[in-house]
Amino acid sequence: MESKNMLITLVVLTVLVNFVNYIDKDESKTIQKIDVLKKRLADEKLLLQSKTTQGVIDNRKFFFDSKEDNNRLLGAFQNEINAMALKSGFKITNTTWGEPTTNETLKLTTIPLKLNATSTPHYFAQFLKAIQSMDKIVKVDTLTMSKSRNEMSYQLYLYGYKRVASD
């Protein structure tokens, strides 16, 4: 009987140790989350004040400079993404530029980048958070992942946007 109680106690302790998430007491993460939420709330208030999505689309801070050459923008976009990857620990192994395309109805030019990278999922999550917190609108598209030994390999497409200059 005593060994049965001991066995039940060990099973309960094992479940508690392995499957219960501990409370993270790191306050710096909480402060960062609050700052991000404040920024998003301010952006949403800005959206509501403009009352139309056209006002948001016309807001120049969300787009790359319309007077800048597409090749220079690709280089600047690549440098910005590389800096974010370096800061977050995400290892970019190869970057390929795509051909910028213009959508005349939306008056937007798409600035495409293709990234190949290797990293752990933790660093990939930090990299995505850095992209989400950018001032510019950046679309993450077509993510492909594969696993090798200790790291994941990623292939993803990023799209930045610039307004077509109105002459």
C-alpha atoms as a PDB file:
ATOM      1  CA  MET A   1       0.000   0.000   0.000  1.00  0.00           C
ATOM      2  CA  GLU A   2       2.806   2.351   0.903  1.00  0.00           C
ATOM      3  CA  SER A   3       4.610   1.736  -2.394  1.00  0.00           C
ATOM      4  CA  LYS A   4       1.365   2.377  -4.279  1.00  0.00           C
ATOM      5  CA  ASN A   5       0.978   5.781  -2.595  1.00  0.00           C
ATOM      6  CA  MET A   6       4.623   6.539  -3.314  1.00  0.00           C
ATOM      7  CA  LEU A   7       4.132   5.618  -6.977  1.00  0.00           C
ATOM      8  CA  ILE A   8       1.066   7.868  -7.261  1.00  0.00           C
ATOM      9  CA  THR A   9       2.990  10.718  -5.631  1.00  0.00           C
ATOM     10  CA  LEU A  10       5.881  10.279  -8.071  1.00  0.00           C
ATOM     11  CA  VAL A  11       3.530  10.263 -11.069  1.00  0.00           C
ATOM     12  CA  VAL A  12       1.811  13.448  -9.863  1.00  0.00           C
ATOM     13  CA  LEU A  13       5.153  15.172  -9.268  1.00  0.00           C
ATOM     14  CA  THR A  14       6.420  14.081 -12.692  1.00  0.00           C
ATOM     15  CA  VAL A  15       3.335  15.511 -14.375  1.00  0.00           C
ATOM     16  CA  LEU A  16       3.673  18.763 -12.455  1.00  0.00           C
ATOM     17  CA  VAL A  17       7.359  19.141 -13.272  1.00  0.00           C
ATOM     18  CA  ASN A  18       7.050  18.245 -16.959  1.00  0.00           C
ATOM     19  CA  PHE A  19       3.756  19.756 -18.012  1.00  0.00           C
ATOM     20  CA  VAL A  20       3.021  22.780 -15.853  1.00  0.00           C
ATOM     21  CA  ASN A  21       4.371  26.084 -17.148  1.00  0.00           C
ATOM     22  CA  TYR A  22       6.180  28.099 -14.557  1.00  0.00           C
ATOM     23  CA  ILE A  23       5.443  31.787 -14.143  1.00  0.00           C
ATOM     24  CA  ASP A  24       8.068  33.919 -15.831  1.00  0.00           C
ATOM     25  CA  LYS A  25       9.075  36.607 -13.367  1.00  0.00           C
ATOM     26  CA  ASP A  26      11.244  38.565 -15.812  1.00  0.00           C
ATOM     27  CA  GLU A  27       9.707  42.039 -15.696  1.00  0.00           C
ATOM     28  CA  SER A  28      11.635  43.361 -18.714  1.00  0.00           C
ATOM     29  CA  LYS A  29       9.565  41.146 -21.036  1.00  0.00           C
ATOM     30  CA  THR A  30       6.370  42.515 -19.525  1.00  0.00           C
ATOM     31  CA  ILE A  31       7.556  46.088 -20.004  1.00  0.00           C
ATOM     32  CA  GLN A  32       8.454  45.398 -23.651  1.00  0.00           C
ATOM     33  CA  LYS A  33       5.036  43.851 -24.275  1.00  0.00           C
ATOM     34  CA  ILE A  34       3.334  46.873 -22.711  1.00  0.00           C
ATOM     35  CA  ASP A  35       5.348  49.236 -24.925  1.00  0.00           C
ATOM     36  CA  VAL A  36       4.406  47.258 -28.054  1.00  0.00           C
ATOM     37  CA  LEU A  37       0.745  47.244 -27.030  1.00  0.00           C
ATOM     38  CA  LYS A  38       0.830  51.018 -26.410  1.00  0.00           C
ATOM     39  CA  LYS A  39       2.325  51.555 -29.879  1.00  0.00           C
ATOM     40  CA  ARG A  40      -0.324  49.349 -31.506  1.00  0.00           C
ATOM     41  CA  LEU A  41      -3.080  51.137 -29.599  1.00  0.00           C
ATOM     42  CA  ALA A  42      -1.765  54.503 -30.788  1.00  0.00           C
ATOM     43  CA  ASP A  43      -1.649  53.228 -34.387  1.00  0.00           C
ATOM     44  CA  GLU A  44      -5.215  51.914 -34.114  1.00  0.00           C
ATOM     45  CA  LYS A  45      -6.392  55.268 -32.766  1.00  0.00           C
ATOM     46  CA  LEU A  46      -4.730  56.907 -35.759  1.00  0.00           C
ATOM     47  CA  LEU A  47      -6.611  54.525 -38.049  1.00  0.00           C
ATOM     48  CA  LEU A  48      -9.932  55.296 -36.382  1.00  0.00           C
ATOM     49  CA  GLN A  49      -9.345  59.045 -36.560  1.00  0.00           C
ATOM     50  CA  SER A  50      -8.770  58.927 -40.308  1.00  0.00           C
ATOM     51  CA  LYS A  51     -12.179  57.133 -40.686  1.00  0.00           C
ATOM     52  CA  THR A  52     -11.165  55.694 -44.065  1.00  0.00           C
ATOM     53  CA  THR A  53      -8.555  53.211 -45.117  1.00  0.00           C
ATOM     54  CA  GLN A  54      -7.577  55.566 -47.923  1.00  0.00           C
ATOM     55  CA  GLY A  55      -6.222  57.953 -45.305  1.00  0.00           C
ATOM     56  CA  VAL A  56      -4.112  55.158 -43.876  1.00  0.00           C
ATOM     57  CA  ILE A  57      -2.872  54.045 -47.282  1.00  0.00           C
ATOM     58  CA  ASP A  58      -1.913  57.628 -48.058  1.00  0.00           C
ATOM     59  CA  ASN A  59       0.071  57.910 -44.828  1.00  0.00           C
ATOM     60  CA  ARG A  60       3.677  58.164 -46.003  1.00  0.00           C
ATOM     61  CA  LYS A  61       5.297  56.811 -42.836  1.00  0.00           C
ATOM     62  CA  PHE A  62       4.104  53.278 -43.661  1.00  0.00           C
ATOM     63  CA  PHE A  63       5.890  53.198 -47.047  1.00  0.00           C
ATOM     64  CA  PHE A  64       9.390  53.579 -48.405  1.00  0.00           C
ATOM     65  CA  ASP A  65      10.302  56.891 -50.036  1.00  0.00           C
ATOM     66  CA  SER A  66       8.523  57.230 -53.387  1.00  0.00           C
ATOM     67  CA  LYS A  67      11.265  59.392 -54.890  1.00  0.00           C
ATOM     68  CA  GLU A  68      13.980  56.800 -54.164  1.00  0.00           C
ATOM     69  CA  ASP A  69      15.225  54.470 -56.924  1.00  0.00           C
ATOM     70  CA  ASN A  70      13.929  50.876 -56.646  1.00  0.00           C
ATOM     71  CA  ASN A  71      17.443  49.374 -56.558  1.00  0.00           C
ATOM     72  CA  ARG A  72      18.476  51.684 -53.728  1.00  0.00           C
ATOM     73  CA  LEU A  73      15.298  50.789 -51.867  1.00  0.00           C
ATOM     74  CA  LEU A  74      16.043  47.078 -52.282  1.00  0.00           C
ATOM     75  CA  GLY A  75      19.498  47.653 -50.795  1.00  0.00           C
ATOM     76  CA  ALA A  76      18.129  49.741 -47.926  1.00  0.00           C
ATOM     77  CA  PHE A  77      15.374  47.191 -47.265  1.00  0.00           C
ATOM     78  CA  GLN A  78      17.938  44.365 -47.265  1.00  0.00           C
ATOM     79  CA  ASN A  79      20.221  46.272 -44.865  1.00  0.00           C
ATOM     80  CA  GLU A  80      17.317  46.968 -42.507  1.00  0.00           C
ATOM     81  CA  ILE A  81      16.256  43.299 -42.515  1.00  0.00           C
ATOM     82  CA  ASN A  82      19.870  42.132 -42.006  1.00  0.00           C
ATOM     83  CA  ALA A  83      20.256  44.477 -39.031  1.00  0.00           C
ATOM     84  CA  MET A  84      17.053  43.110 -37.469  1.00  0.00           C
ATOM     85  CA  ALA A  85      18.196  39.535 -38.077  1.00  0.00           C
ATOM     86  CA  LEU A  86      21.589  40.205 -36.512  1.00  0.00           C
ATOM     87  CA  LYS A  87      19.992  41.855 -33.491  1.00  0.00           C
ATOM     88  CA  SER A  88      17.540  38.986 -32.981  1.00  0.00           C
ATOM     89  CA  GLY A  89      20.078  36.171 -33.556  1.00  0.00           C
ATOM     90  CA  PHE A  90      18.444  34.972 -36.801  1.00  0.00           C
ATOM     91  CA  LYS A  91      21.175  33.818 -39.256  1.00  0.00           C
ATOM     92  CA  ILE A  92      20.474  34.858 -42.858  1.00  0.00           C
ATOM     93  CA  THR A  93      22.572  32.740 -45.223  1.00  0.00           C
ATOM     94  CA  ASN A  94      21.407  34.132 -48.571  1.00  0.00           C
ATOM     95  CA  THR A  95      19.352  37.091 -49.768  1.00  0.00           C
ATOM     96  CA  THR A  96      17.946  37.418 -53.278  1.00  0.00           C
ATOM     97  CA  TRP A  97      16.324  40.520 -54.706  1.00  0.00           C
ATOM     98  CA  GLY A  98      13.154  40.211 -56.714  1.00  0.00           C
ATOM     99  CA  GLU A  99      11.936  42.453 -59.509  1.00  0.00           C
ATOM    100  CA  PRO A 100       9.937  45.398 -58.128  1.00  0.00           C
ATOM    101  CA  THR A 101       6.417  45.450 -59.582  1.00  0.00           C
ATOM    102  CA  THR A 102       3.917  48.285 -59.653  1.00  0.00           C
ATOM    103  CA  ASN A 103       0.190  47.973 -59.100  1.00  0.00           C
ATOM    104  CA  GLU A 104      -1.301  50.961 -60.927  1.00  0.00           C
ATOM    105  CA  THR A 105      -4.741  50.718 -59.311  1.00  0.00           C
ATOM    106  CA  LEU A 106      -3.327  50.857 -55.766  1.00  0.00           C
ATOM    107  CA  LYS A 107      -0.426  53.083 -56.847  1.00  0.00           C
ATOM    108  CA  LEU A 108       2.006  50.891 -54.924  1.00  0.00           C
ATOM    109  CA  THR A 109       5.334  49.379 -55.925  1.00  0.00           C
ATOM    110  CA  THR A 110       6.227  46.068 -54.295  1.00  0.00           C
ATOM    111  CA  ILE A 111       9.842  45.650 -53.145  1.00  0.00           C
ATOM    112  CA  PRO A 112      10.489  41.854 -52.837  1.00  0.00           C
ATOM    113  CA  LEU A 113      13.263  40.048 -50.932  1.00  0.00           C
ATOM    114  CA  LYS A 114      13.805  36.298 -50.679  1.00  0.00           C
ATOM    115  CA  LEU A 115      15.657  35.105 -47.579  1.00  0.00           C
ATOM    116  CA  ASN A 116      17.290  31.780 -46.812  1.00  0.00           C
ATOM    117  CA  ALA A 117      18.239  31.365 -43.175  1.00  0.00           C
ATOM    118  CA  THR A 118      19.070  28.882 -40.443  1.00  0.00           C
ATOM    119  CA  SER A 119      18.144  29.346 -36.829  1.00  0.00           C
ATOM    120  CA  THR A 120      16.314  27.931 -33.872  1.00  0.00           C
ATOM    121  CA  PRO A 121      12.569  28.603 -33.620  1.00  0.00           C
ATOM    122  CA  HIS A 122      13.195  30.963 -30.692  1.00  0.00           C
ATOM    123  CA  TYR A 123      15.345  33.319 -32.790  1.00  0.00           C
ATOM    124  CA  PHE A 124      12.911  33.087 -35.694  1.00  0.00           C
ATOM    125  CA  ALA A 125      10.115  34.261 -33.385  1.00  0.00           C
ATOM    126  CA  GLN A 126      12.263  37.205 -32.267  1.00  0.00           C
ATOM    127  CA  PHE A 127      12.969  38.069 -35.907  1.00  0.00           C
ATOM    128  CA  LEU A 128       9.250  38.047 -36.753  1.00  0.00           C
ATOM    129  CA  LYS A 129       8.516  40.283 -33.751  1.00  0.00           C
ATOM    130  CA  ALA A 130      11.146  42.724 -35.020  1.00  0.00           C
ATOM    131  CA  ILE A 131       9.498  42.770 -38.463  1.00  0.00           C
ATOM    132  CA  GLN A 132       6.064  43.316 -36.917  1.00  0.00           C
ATOM    133  CA  SER A 133       7.338  46.266 -34.920  1.00  0.00           C
ATOM    134  CA  MET A 134       8.748  48.047 -37.990  1.00  0.00           C
ATOM    135  CA  ASP A 135       7.367  51.458 -38.904  1.00  0.00           C
ATOM    136  CA  LYS A 136       6.935  50.352 -42.514  1.00  0.00           C
ATOM    137  CA  ILE A 137       4.382  47.874 -43.810  1.00  0.00           C
ATOM    138  CA  VAL A 138       6.221  44.606 -44.515  1.00  0.00           C
ATOM    139  CA  LYS A 139       4.431  41.461 -45.664  1.00  0.00           C
ATOM    140  CA  VAL A 140       5.876  38.047 -44.774  1.00  0.00           C
ATOM    141  CA  ASP A 141       4.818  35.612 -47.480  1.00  0.00           C
ATOM    142  CA  THR A 142       5.448  31.971 -48.425  1.00  0.00           C
ATOM    143  CA  LEU A 143       7.398  30.621 -45.479  1.00  0.00           C
ATOM    144  CA  THR A 144       9.023  27.213 -45.985  1.00  0.00           C
ATOM    145  CA  MET A 145      10.734  25.417 -43.099  1.00  0.00           C
ATOM    146  CA  SER A 146      12.801  22.250 -42.877  1.00  0.00           C
ATOM    147  CA  LYS A 147      14.582  20.679 -39.928  1.00  0.00           C
ATOM    148  CA  SER A 148      18.183  19.570 -39.794  1.00  0.00           C
ATOM    149  CA  ARG A 149      19.831  18.267 -36.624  1.00  0.00           C
ATOM    150  CA  ASN A 150      19.734  21.198 -34.178  1.00  0.00           C
ATOM    151  CA  GLU A 151      18.480  24.017 -36.385  1.00  0.00           C
ATOM    152  CA  MET A 152      15.638  24.835 -38.697  1.00  0.00           C
ATOM    153  CA  SER A 153      16.169  26.072 -42.248  1.00  0.00           C
ATOM    154  CA  TYR A 154      13.847  28.831 -43.385  1.00  0.00           C
ATOM    155  CA  GLN A 155      12.998  30.254 -46.776  1.00  0.00           C
ATOM    156  CA  LEU A 156      10.692  33.240 -46.774  1.00  0.00           C
ATOM    157  CA  TYR A 157       9.655  36.105 -48.972  1.00  0.00           C
ATOM    158  CA  LEU A 158       9.360  39.641 -47.599  1.00  0.00           C
ATOM    159  CA  TYR A 159       7.599  42.463 -49.409  1.00  0.00           C
ATOM    160  CA  GLY A 160       8.059  46.141 -48.660  1.00  0.00           C
ATOM    161  CA  TYR A 161       5.963  48.798 -50.351  1.00  0.00           C
ATOM    162  CA  LYS A 162       6.508  52.245 -51.754  1.00  0.00           C
ATOM    163  CA  ARG A 163       4.048  54.742 -53.140  1.00  0.00           C
ATOM    164  CA  VAL A 164       4.208  55.487 -56.841  1.00  0.00           C
ATOM    165  CA  ALA A 165       5.408  59.071 -57.104  1.00  0.00           C
ATOM    166  CA  SER A 166       2.706  61.412 -58.350  1.00  0.00           C
ATOM    167  CA  ASP A 167       4.343  63.847 -60.718  1.00  0.00           C
END
